[in-house]
Amino acid sequence: MSYSGQQTFRAAVLAAEGVRQQAKAAAFVAYGYVAANLATYQTAIADADVAYFTAVNTAYNALNETTGLAGFGGPIPGGGWTPMLAVA
């Protein structure tokens, strides 16, 4: 397994999680507990999740190695500095 490939995968997952959290925060602010905005909020949350999983799948396919489910359920614990094998 390529260490540089692992780090690239980790960085992509962490970046995708950051984008997802920002999108969810923006959707929440736009929702503002107004019932009329609920459907738009739910759609924005679902879209943020789809974008996250798409980004993780793209990074996973580019890695072309087996990582288990790392990154598919959320950010990788310690993703900024631990080797991937530590979470396998």
PDB file of N, CA and C in Angstrom:
ATOM      1  N   MET A   1       0.841  -1.181   0.000  1.00  0.00           N
ATOM      2  CA  MET A   1       0.000   0.000   0.000  1.00  0.00           C
ATOM      3  C   MET A   1       0.885   1.243   0.000  1.00  0.00           C
ATOM      4  N   SER A   2       0.556   2.184  -0.825  1.00  0.00           N
ATOM      5  CA  SER A   2       1.348   3.396  -0.981  1.00  0.00           C
ATOM      6  C   SER A   2       1.027   4.404   0.114  1.00  0.00           C
ATOM      7  N   TYR A   3       2.045   4.811   0.853  1.00  0.00           N
ATOM      8  CA  TYR A   3       1.824   5.784   1.927  1.00  0.00           C
ATOM      9  C   TYR A   3       1.355   7.120   1.369  1.00  0.00           C
ATOM     10  N   SER A   4       1.943   7.570   0.269  1.00  0.00           N
ATOM     11  CA  SER A   4       1.532   8.849  -0.305  1.00  0.00           C
ATOM     12  C   SER A   4       0.103   8.763  -0.829  1.00  0.00           C
ATOM     13  N   GLY A   5      -0.259   7.609  -1.379  1.00  0.00           N
ATOM     14  CA  GLY A   5      -1.631   7.404  -1.832  1.00  0.00           C
ATOM     15  C   GLY A   5      -2.610   7.445  -0.672  1.00  0.00           C
ATOM     16  N   GLN A   6      -2.218   6.853   0.441  1.00  0.00           N
ATOM     17  CA  GLN A   6      -3.062   6.885   1.636  1.00  0.00           C
ATOM     18  C   GLN A   6      -3.281   8.312   2.113  1.00  0.00           C
ATOM     19  N   GLN A   7      -2.215   9.071   2.149  1.00  0.00           N
ATOM     20  CA  GLN A   7      -2.321  10.450   2.627  1.00  0.00           C
ATOM     21  C   GLN A   7      -3.165  11.303   1.690  1.00  0.00           C
ATOM     22  N   THR A   8      -3.069  11.056   0.400  1.00  0.00           N
ATOM     23  CA  THR A   8      -3.902  11.769  -0.561  1.00  0.00           C
ATOM     24  C   THR A   8      -5.366  11.412  -0.341  1.00  0.00           C
ATOM     25  N   PHE A   9      -5.640  10.122  -0.110  1.00  0.00           N
ATOM     26  CA  PHE A   9      -7.003   9.680   0.166  1.00  0.00           C
ATOM     27  C   PHE A   9      -7.527  10.330   1.436  1.00  0.00           C
ATOM     28  N   ARG A  10      -6.719  10.320   2.474  1.00  0.00           N
ATOM     29  CA  ARG A  10      -7.124  10.933   3.746  1.00  0.00           C
ATOM     30  C   ARG A  10      -7.416  12.419   3.576  1.00  0.00           C
ATOM     31  N   ALA A  11      -6.561  13.109   2.869  1.00  0.00           N
ATOM     32  CA  ALA A  11      -6.758  14.542   2.655  1.00  0.00           C
ATOM     33  C   ALA A  11      -8.049  14.801   1.887  1.00  0.00           C
ATOM     34  N   ALA A  12      -8.339  13.961   0.906  1.00  0.00           N
ATOM     35  CA  ALA A  12      -9.572  14.122   0.127  1.00  0.00           C
ATOM     36  C   ALA A  12     -10.805  13.886   0.991  1.00  0.00           C
ATOM     37  N   VAL A  13     -10.742  12.880   1.850  1.00  0.00           N
ATOM     38  CA  VAL A  13     -11.880  12.588   2.742  1.00  0.00           C
ATOM     39  C   VAL A  13     -12.079  13.732   3.729  1.00  0.00           C
ATOM     40  N   LEU A  14     -10.996  14.232   4.293  1.00  0.00           N
ATOM     41  CA  LEU A  14     -11.112  15.330   5.247  1.00  0.00           C
ATOM     42  C   LEU A  14     -11.624  16.600   4.583  1.00  0.00           C
ATOM     43  N   ALA A  15     -11.178  16.868   3.369  1.00  0.00           N
ATOM     44  CA  ALA A  15     -11.670  18.049   2.640  1.00  0.00           C
ATOM     45  C   ALA A  15     -13.152  17.896   2.312  1.00  0.00           C
ATOM     46  N   ALA A  16     -13.539  16.699   1.894  1.00  0.00           N
ATOM     47  CA  ALA A  16     -14.950  16.448   1.574  1.00  0.00           C
ATOM     48  C   ALA A  16     -15.823  16.605   2.816  1.00  0.00           C
ATOM     49  N   GLU A  17     -15.338  16.158   3.958  1.00  0.00           N
ATOM     50  CA  GLU A  17     -16.104  16.312   5.202  1.00  0.00           C
ATOM     51  C   GLU A  17     -16.235  17.788   5.563  1.00  0.00           C
ATOM     52  N   GLY A  18     -15.186  18.559   5.364  1.00  0.00           N
ATOM     53  CA  GLY A  18     -15.260  19.992   5.638  1.00  0.00           C
ATOM     54  C   GLY A  18     -16.286  20.684   4.766  1.00  0.00           C
ATOM     55  N   VAL A  19     -16.307  20.340   3.491  1.00  0.00           N
ATOM     56  CA  VAL A  19     -17.285  20.919   2.569  1.00  0.00           C
ATOM     57  C   VAL A  19     -18.694  20.502   2.982  1.00  0.00           C
ATOM     58  N   ARG A  20     -18.852  19.239   3.372  1.00  0.00           N
ATOM     59  CA  ARG A  20     -20.181  18.757   3.791  1.00  0.00           C
ATOM     60  C   ARG A  20     -20.666  19.507   5.028  1.00  0.00           C
ATOM     61  N   GLN A  21     -19.783  19.717   5.993  1.00  0.00           N
ATOM     62  CA  GLN A  21     -20.182  20.426   7.206  1.00  0.00           C
ATOM     63  C   GLN A  21     -20.539  21.879   6.919  1.00  0.00           C
ATOM     64  N   GLN A  22     -19.802  22.512   6.015  1.00  0.00           N
ATOM     65  CA  GLN A  22     -20.120  23.891   5.647  1.00  0.00           C
ATOM     66  C   GLN A  22     -21.463  23.967   4.939  1.00  0.00           C
ATOM     67  N   ALA A  23     -21.742  23.015   4.064  1.00  0.00           N
ATOM     68  CA  ALA A  23     -23.019  22.999   3.358  1.00  0.00           C
ATOM     69  C   ALA A  23     -24.178  22.783   4.324  1.00  0.00           C
ATOM     70  N   LYS A  24     -23.973  21.888   5.290  1.00  0.00           N
ATOM     71  CA  LYS A  24     -25.022  21.637   6.279  1.00  0.00           C
ATOM     72  C   LYS A  24     -25.252  22.863   7.155  1.00  0.00           C
ATOM     73  N   ALA A  25     -24.185  23.543   7.524  1.00  0.00           N
ATOM     74  CA  ALA A  25     -24.325  24.750   8.342  1.00  0.00           C
ATOM     75  C   ALA A  25     -25.057  25.848   7.574  1.00  0.00           C
ATOM     76  N   ALA A  26     -24.713  26.017   6.306  1.00  0.00           N
ATOM     77  CA  ALA A  26     -25.390  27.024   5.484  1.00  0.00           C
ATOM     78  C   ALA A  26     -26.865  26.685   5.310  1.00  0.00           C
ATOM     79  N   ALA A  27     -27.168  25.403   5.124  1.00  0.00           N
ATOM     80  CA  ALA A  27     -28.562  24.980   4.976  1.00  0.00           C
ATOM     81  C   ALA A  27     -29.341  25.232   6.266  1.00  0.00           C
ATOM     82  N   PHE A  28     -28.702  25.002   7.398  1.00  0.00           N
ATOM     83  CA  PHE A  28     -29.364  25.216   8.681  1.00  0.00           C
ATOM     84  C   PHE A  28     -29.672  26.692   8.895  1.00  0.00           C
ATOM     85  N   VAL A  29     -28.727  27.547   8.544  1.00  0.00           N
ATOM     86  CA  VAL A  29     -28.945  28.988   8.688  1.00  0.00           C
ATOM     87  C   VAL A  29     -30.086  29.435   7.780  1.00  0.00           C
ATOM     88  N   ALA A  30     -30.123  28.920   6.558  1.00  0.00           N
ATOM     89  CA  ALA A  30     -31.192  29.280   5.618  1.00  0.00           C
ATOM     90  C   ALA A  30     -32.545  28.755   6.099  1.00  0.00           C
ATOM     91  N   TYR A  31     -32.536  27.609   6.758  1.00  0.00           N
ATOM     92  CA  TYR A  31     -33.774  27.022   7.286  1.00  0.00           C
ATOM     93  C   TYR A  31     -34.366  27.909   8.373  1.00  0.00           C
ATOM     94  N   GLY A  32     -33.580  28.269   9.340  1.00  0.00           N
ATOM     95  CA  GLY A  32     -33.983  29.186  10.401  1.00  0.00           C
ATOM     96  C   GLY A  32     -35.253  28.807  11.150  1.00  0.00           C
ATOM     97  N   TYR A  33     -35.540  27.540  11.252  1.00  0.00           N
ATOM     98  CA  TYR A  33     -36.724  27.030  11.952  1.00  0.00           C
ATOM     99  C   TYR A  33     -38.026  27.570  11.362  1.00  0.00           C
ATOM    100  N   VAL A  34     -38.007  27.860  10.069  1.00  0.00           N
ATOM    101  CA  VAL A  34     -39.216  28.299   9.377  1.00  0.00           C
ATOM    102  C   VAL A  34     -39.787  27.078   8.671  1.00  0.00           C
ATOM    103  N   ALA A  35     -41.016  26.726   9.005  1.00  0.00           N
ATOM    104  CA  ALA A  35     -41.619  25.505   8.467  1.00  0.00           C
ATOM    105  C   ALA A  35     -41.625  25.488   6.944  1.00  0.00           C
ATOM    106  N   ALA A  36     -41.813  26.630   6.318  1.00  0.00           N
ATOM    107  CA  ALA A  36     -41.849  26.691   4.856  1.00  0.00           C
ATOM    108  C   ALA A  36     -40.489  26.330   4.238  1.00  0.00           C
ATOM    109  N   ASN A  37     -39.413  26.457   4.999  1.00  0.00           N
ATOM    110  CA  ASN A  37     -38.071  26.167   4.487  1.00  0.00           C
ATOM    111  C   ASN A  37     -37.618  24.740   4.762  1.00  0.00           C
ATOM    112  N   LEU A  38     -38.443  23.935   5.412  1.00  0.00           N
ATOM    113  CA  LEU A  38     -38.036  22.597   5.835  1.00  0.00           C
ATOM    114  C   LEU A  38     -37.668  21.695   4.660  1.00  0.00           C
ATOM    115  N   ALA A  39     -38.493  21.675   3.632  1.00  0.00           N
ATOM    116  CA  ALA A  39     -38.216  20.801   2.487  1.00  0.00           C
ATOM    117  C   ALA A  39     -36.905  21.180   1.812  1.00  0.00           C
ATOM    118  N   THR A  40     -36.646  22.467   1.686  1.00  0.00           N
ATOM    119  CA  THR A  40     -35.391  22.931   1.087  1.00  0.00           C
ATOM    120  C   THR A  40     -34.209  22.531   1.951  1.00  0.00           C
ATOM    121  N   TYR A  41     -34.375  22.639   3.263  1.00  0.00           N
ATOM    122  CA  TYR A  41     -33.319  22.240   4.203  1.00  0.00           C
ATOM    123  C   TYR A  41     -33.008  20.752   4.076  1.00  0.00           C
ATOM    124  N   GLN A  42     -34.043  19.929   4.046  1.00  0.00           N
ATOM    125  CA  GLN A  42     -33.838  18.482   3.939  1.00  0.00           C
ATOM    126  C   GLN A  42     -33.160  18.110   2.622  1.00  0.00           C
ATOM    127  N   THR A  43     -33.532  18.785   1.563  1.00  0.00           N
ATOM    128  CA  THR A  43     -32.903  18.534   0.264  1.00  0.00           C
ATOM    129  C   THR A  43     -31.435  18.940   0.293  1.00  0.00           C
ATOM    130  N   ALA A  44     -31.139  20.071   0.905  1.00  0.00           N
ATOM    131  CA  ALA A  44     -29.751  20.538   0.984  1.00  0.00           C
ATOM    132  C   ALA A  44     -28.894  19.580   1.801  1.00  0.00           C
ATOM    133  N   ILE A  45     -29.453  19.045   2.883  1.00  0.00           N
ATOM    134  CA  ILE A  45     -28.715  18.074   3.707  1.00  0.00           C
ATOM    135  C   ILE A  45     -28.429  16.810   2.901  1.00  0.00           C
ATOM    136  N   ALA A  46     -29.437  16.320   2.201  1.00  0.00           N
ATOM    137  CA  ALA A  46     -29.255  15.118   1.379  1.00  0.00           C
ATOM    138  C   ALA A  46     -28.231  15.368   0.266  1.00  0.00           C
ATOM    139  N   ASP A  47     -28.294  16.534  -0.357  1.00  0.00           N
ATOM    140  CA  ASP A  47     -27.334  16.869  -1.412  1.00  0.00           C
ATOM    141  C   ASP A  47     -25.909  16.944  -0.871  1.00  0.00           C
ATOM    142  N   ALA A  48     -25.748  17.480   0.337  1.00  0.00           N
ATOM    143  CA  ALA A  48     -24.424  17.553   0.956  1.00  0.00           C
ATOM    144  C   ALA A  48     -23.869  16.156   1.202  1.00  0.00           C
ATOM    145  N   ASP A  49     -24.727  15.247   1.654  1.00  0.00           N
ATOM    146  CA  ASP A  49     -24.283  13.869   1.886  1.00  0.00           C
ATOM    147  C   ASP A  49     -23.918  13.173   0.579  1.00  0.00           C
ATOM    148  N   VAL A  50     -24.714  13.376  -0.454  1.00  0.00           N
ATOM    149  CA  VAL A  50     -24.424  12.770  -1.757  1.00  0.00           C
ATOM    150  C   VAL A  50     -23.094  13.295  -2.293  1.00  0.00           C
ATOM    151  N   ALA A  51     -22.862  14.593  -2.174  1.00  0.00           N
ATOM    152  CA  ALA A  51     -21.597  15.163  -2.642  1.00  0.00           C
ATOM    153  C   ALA A  51     -20.416  14.583  -1.869  1.00  0.00           C
ATOM    154  N   TYR A  52     -20.599  14.381  -0.554  1.00  0.00           N
ATOM    155  CA  TYR A  52     -19.535  13.795   0.263  1.00  0.00           C
ATOM    156  C   TYR A  52     -19.204  12.382  -0.208  1.00  0.00           C
ATOM    157  N   PHE A  53     -20.229  11.554  -0.348  1.00  0.00           N
ATOM    158  CA  PHE A  53     -19.982  10.167  -0.745  1.00  0.00           C
ATOM    159  C   PHE A  53     -19.428  10.073  -2.160  1.00  0.00           C
ATOM    160  N   THR A  54     -19.829  10.977  -3.031  1.00  0.00           N
ATOM    161  CA  THR A  54     -19.270  11.011  -4.381  1.00  0.00           C
ATOM    162  C   THR A  54     -17.781  11.340  -4.331  1.00  0.00           C
ATOM    163  N   ALA A  55     -17.414  12.320  -3.516  1.00  0.00           N
ATOM    164  CA  ALA A  55     -16.007  12.696  -3.386  1.00  0.00           C
ATOM    165  C   ALA A  55     -15.178  11.566  -2.786  1.00  0.00           C
ATOM    166  N   VAL A  56     -15.729  10.885  -1.781  1.00  0.00           N
ATOM    167  CA  VAL A  56     -15.002   9.767  -1.162  1.00  0.00           C
ATOM    168  C   VAL A  56     -14.843   8.630  -2.165  1.00  0.00           C
ATOM    169  N   ASN A  57     -15.894   8.328  -2.914  1.00  0.00           N
ATOM    170  CA  ASN A  57     -15.793   7.273  -3.928  1.00  0.00           C
ATOM    171  C   ASN A  57     -14.763   7.611  -4.993  1.00  0.00           C
ATOM    172  N   THR A  58     -14.729   8.862  -5.415  1.00  0.00           N
ATOM    173  CA  THR A  58     -13.745   9.285  -6.409  1.00  0.00           C
ATOM    174  C   THR A  58     -12.328   9.118  -5.867  1.00  0.00           C
ATOM    175  N   ALA A  59     -12.106   9.550  -4.636  1.00  0.00           N
ATOM    176  CA  ALA A  59     -10.778   9.401  -4.018  1.00  0.00           C
ATOM    177  C   ALA A  59     -10.427   7.930  -3.832  1.00  0.00           C
ATOM    178  N   TYR A  60     -11.408   7.128  -3.452  1.00  0.00           N
ATOM    179  CA  TYR A  60     -11.194   5.694  -3.249  1.00  0.00           C
ATOM    180  C   TYR A  60     -10.807   5.020  -4.561  1.00  0.00           C
ATOM    181  N   ASN A  61     -11.520   5.366  -5.630  1.00  0.00           N
ATOM    182  CA  ASN A  61     -11.214   4.763  -6.924  1.00  0.00           C
ATOM    183  C   ASN A  61      -9.844   5.202  -7.434  1.00  0.00           C
ATOM    184  N   ALA A  62      -9.454   6.439  -7.151  1.00  0.00           N
ATOM    185  CA  ALA A  62      -8.141   6.923  -7.556  1.00  0.00           C
ATOM    186  C   ALA A  62      -7.038   6.218  -6.770  1.00  0.00           C
ATOM    187  N   LEU A  63      -7.322   5.871  -5.513  1.00  0.00           N
ATOM    188  CA  LEU A  63      -6.338   5.171  -4.689  1.00  0.00           C
ATOM    189  C   LEU A  63      -6.060   3.789  -5.249  1.00  0.00           C
ATOM    190  N   ASN A  64      -7.106   3.124  -5.750  1.00  0.00           N
ATOM    191  CA  ASN A  64      -6.986   1.803  -6.370  1.00  0.00           C
ATOM    192  C   ASN A  64      -6.386   0.770  -5.418  1.00  0.00           C
ATOM    193  N   GLU A  65      -6.726   0.880  -4.149  1.00  0.00           N
ATOM    194  CA  GLU A  65      -6.280  -0.080  -3.140  1.00  0.00           C
ATOM    195  C   GLU A  65      -7.435  -0.363  -2.193  1.00  0.00           C
ATOM    196  N   THR A  66      -7.327  -1.412  -1.420  1.00  0.00           N
ATOM    197  CA  THR A  66      -8.373  -1.770  -0.475  1.00  0.00           C
ATOM    198  C   THR A  66      -8.181  -1.010   0.833  1.00  0.00           C
ATOM    199  N   THR A  67      -9.216  -0.275   1.257  1.00  0.00           N
ATOM    200  CA  THR A  67      -9.128   0.474   2.503  1.00  0.00           C
ATOM    201  C   THR A  67     -10.207   0.064   3.494  1.00  0.00           C
ATOM    202  N   GLY A  68     -11.036  -0.904   3.142  1.00  0.00           N
ATOM    203  CA  GLY A  68     -12.179  -1.230   3.990  1.00  0.00           C
ATOM    204  C   GLY A  68     -13.212  -0.139   3.839  1.00  0.00           C
ATOM    205  N   LEU A  69     -13.816   0.271   4.938  1.00  0.00           N
ATOM    206  CA  LEU A  69     -14.843   1.302   4.884  1.00  0.00           C
ATOM    207  C   LEU A  69     -14.332   2.656   5.358  1.00  0.00           C
ATOM    208  N   ALA A  70     -13.041   2.834   5.459  1.00  0.00           N
ATOM    209  CA  ALA A  70     -12.473   4.081   5.945  1.00  0.00           C
ATOM    210  C   ALA A  70     -12.950   5.259   5.111  1.00  0.00           C
ATOM    211  N   GLY A  71     -13.573   6.215   5.773  1.00  0.00           N
ATOM    212  CA  GLY A  71     -14.026   7.411   5.100  1.00  0.00           C
ATOM    213  C   GLY A  71     -15.460   7.371   4.629  1.00  0.00           C
ATOM    214  N   PHE A  72     -16.035   6.187   4.492  1.00  0.00           N
ATOM    215  CA  PHE A  72     -17.385   6.105   3.953  1.00  0.00           C
ATOM    216  C   PHE A  72     -18.460   6.454   4.973  1.00  0.00           C
ATOM    217  N   GLY A  73     -18.164   6.354   6.253  1.00  0.00           N
ATOM    218  CA  GLY A  73     -19.151   6.700   7.271  1.00  0.00           C
ATOM    219  C   GLY A  73     -18.932   8.068   7.872  1.00  0.00           C
ATOM    220  N   GLY A  74     -17.884   8.725   7.486  1.00  0.00           N
ATOM    221  CA  GLY A  74     -17.547  10.031   8.031  1.00  0.00           C
ATOM    222  C   GLY A  74     -16.057  10.217   8.012  1.00  0.00           C
ATOM    223  N   PRO A  75     -15.586  11.274   8.647  1.00  0.00           N
ATOM    224  CA  PRO A  75     -14.155  11.528   8.610  1.00  0.00           C
ATOM    225  C   PRO A  75     -13.366  10.398   9.270  1.00  0.00           C
ATOM    226  N   ILE A  76     -12.169  10.208   8.807  1.00  0.00           N
ATOM    227  CA  ILE A  76     -11.309   9.162   9.346  1.00  0.00           C
ATOM    228  C   ILE A  76     -10.737   9.653  10.667  1.00  0.00           C
ATOM    229  N   PRO A  77     -10.906   8.907  11.756  1.00  0.00           N
ATOM    230  CA  PRO A  77     -10.360   9.345  13.042  1.00  0.00           C
ATOM    231  C   PRO A  77      -8.851   9.583  12.954  1.00  0.00           C
ATOM    232  N   GLY A  78      -8.422  10.740  13.386  1.00  0.00           N
ATOM    233  CA  GLY A  78      -7.003  11.058  13.321  1.00  0.00           C
ATOM    234  C   GLY A  78      -6.504  11.221  11.905  1.00  0.00           C
ATOM    235  N   GLY A  79      -7.405  11.460  10.985  1.00  0.00           N
ATOM    236  CA  GLY A  79      -7.084  11.465   9.566  1.00  0.00           C
ATOM    237  C   GLY A  79      -5.969  12.376   9.146  1.00  0.00           C
ATOM    238  N   GLY A  80      -5.686  13.377   9.914  1.00  0.00           N
ATOM    239  CA  GLY A  80      -4.639  14.297   9.511  1.00  0.00           C
ATOM    240  C   GLY A  80      -3.238  13.768   9.711  1.00  0.00           C
ATOM    241  N   TRP A  81      -3.061  12.727  10.524  1.00  0.00           N
ATOM    242  CA  TRP A  81      -1.685  12.335  10.830  1.00  0.00           C
ATOM    243  C   TRP A  81      -1.445  10.847  11.010  1.00  0.00           C
ATOM    244  N   THR A  82      -2.459  10.011  11.200  1.00  0.00           N
ATOM    245  CA  THR A  82      -2.195   8.588  11.444  1.00  0.00           C
ATOM    246  C   THR A  82      -2.135   7.806  10.142  1.00  0.00           C
ATOM    247  N   PRO A  83      -1.349   6.740  10.092  1.00  0.00           N
ATOM    248  CA  PRO A  83      -1.334   5.897   8.900  1.00  0.00           C
ATOM    249  C   PRO A  83      -2.648   5.137   8.779  1.00  0.00           C
ATOM    250  N   MET A  84      -3.056   4.863   7.569  1.00  0.00           N
ATOM    251  CA  MET A  84      -4.341   4.230   7.331  1.00  0.00           C
ATOM    252  C   MET A  84      -4.450   2.870   8.023  1.00  0.00           C
ATOM    253  N   LEU A  85      -3.367   2.141   8.111  1.00  0.00           N
ATOM    254  CA  LEU A  85      -3.423   0.820   8.704  1.00  0.00           C
ATOM    255  C   LEU A  85      -3.815   0.868  10.173  1.00  0.00           C
ATOM    256  N   ALA A  86      -3.681   2.007  10.812  1.00  0.00           N
ATOM    257  CA  ALA A  86      -4.036   2.140  12.219  1.00  0.00           C
ATOM    258  C   ALA A  86      -5.546   2.061  12.419  1.00  0.00           C
ATOM    259  N   VAL A  87      -6.344   2.360  11.393  1.00  0.00           N
ATOM    260  CA  VAL A  87      -7.794   2.304  11.530  1.00  0.00           C
ATOM    261  C   VAL A  87      -8.379   1.080  10.863  1.00  0.00           C
ATOM    262  N   ALA A  88      -7.546   0.270  10.231  1.00  0.00           N
ATOM    263  CA  ALA A  88      -8.039  -0.920   9.520  1.00  0.00           C
ATOM    264  C   ALA A  88      -8.347  -2.039  10.480  1.00  0.00           C
TER     265      ALA A  88
END
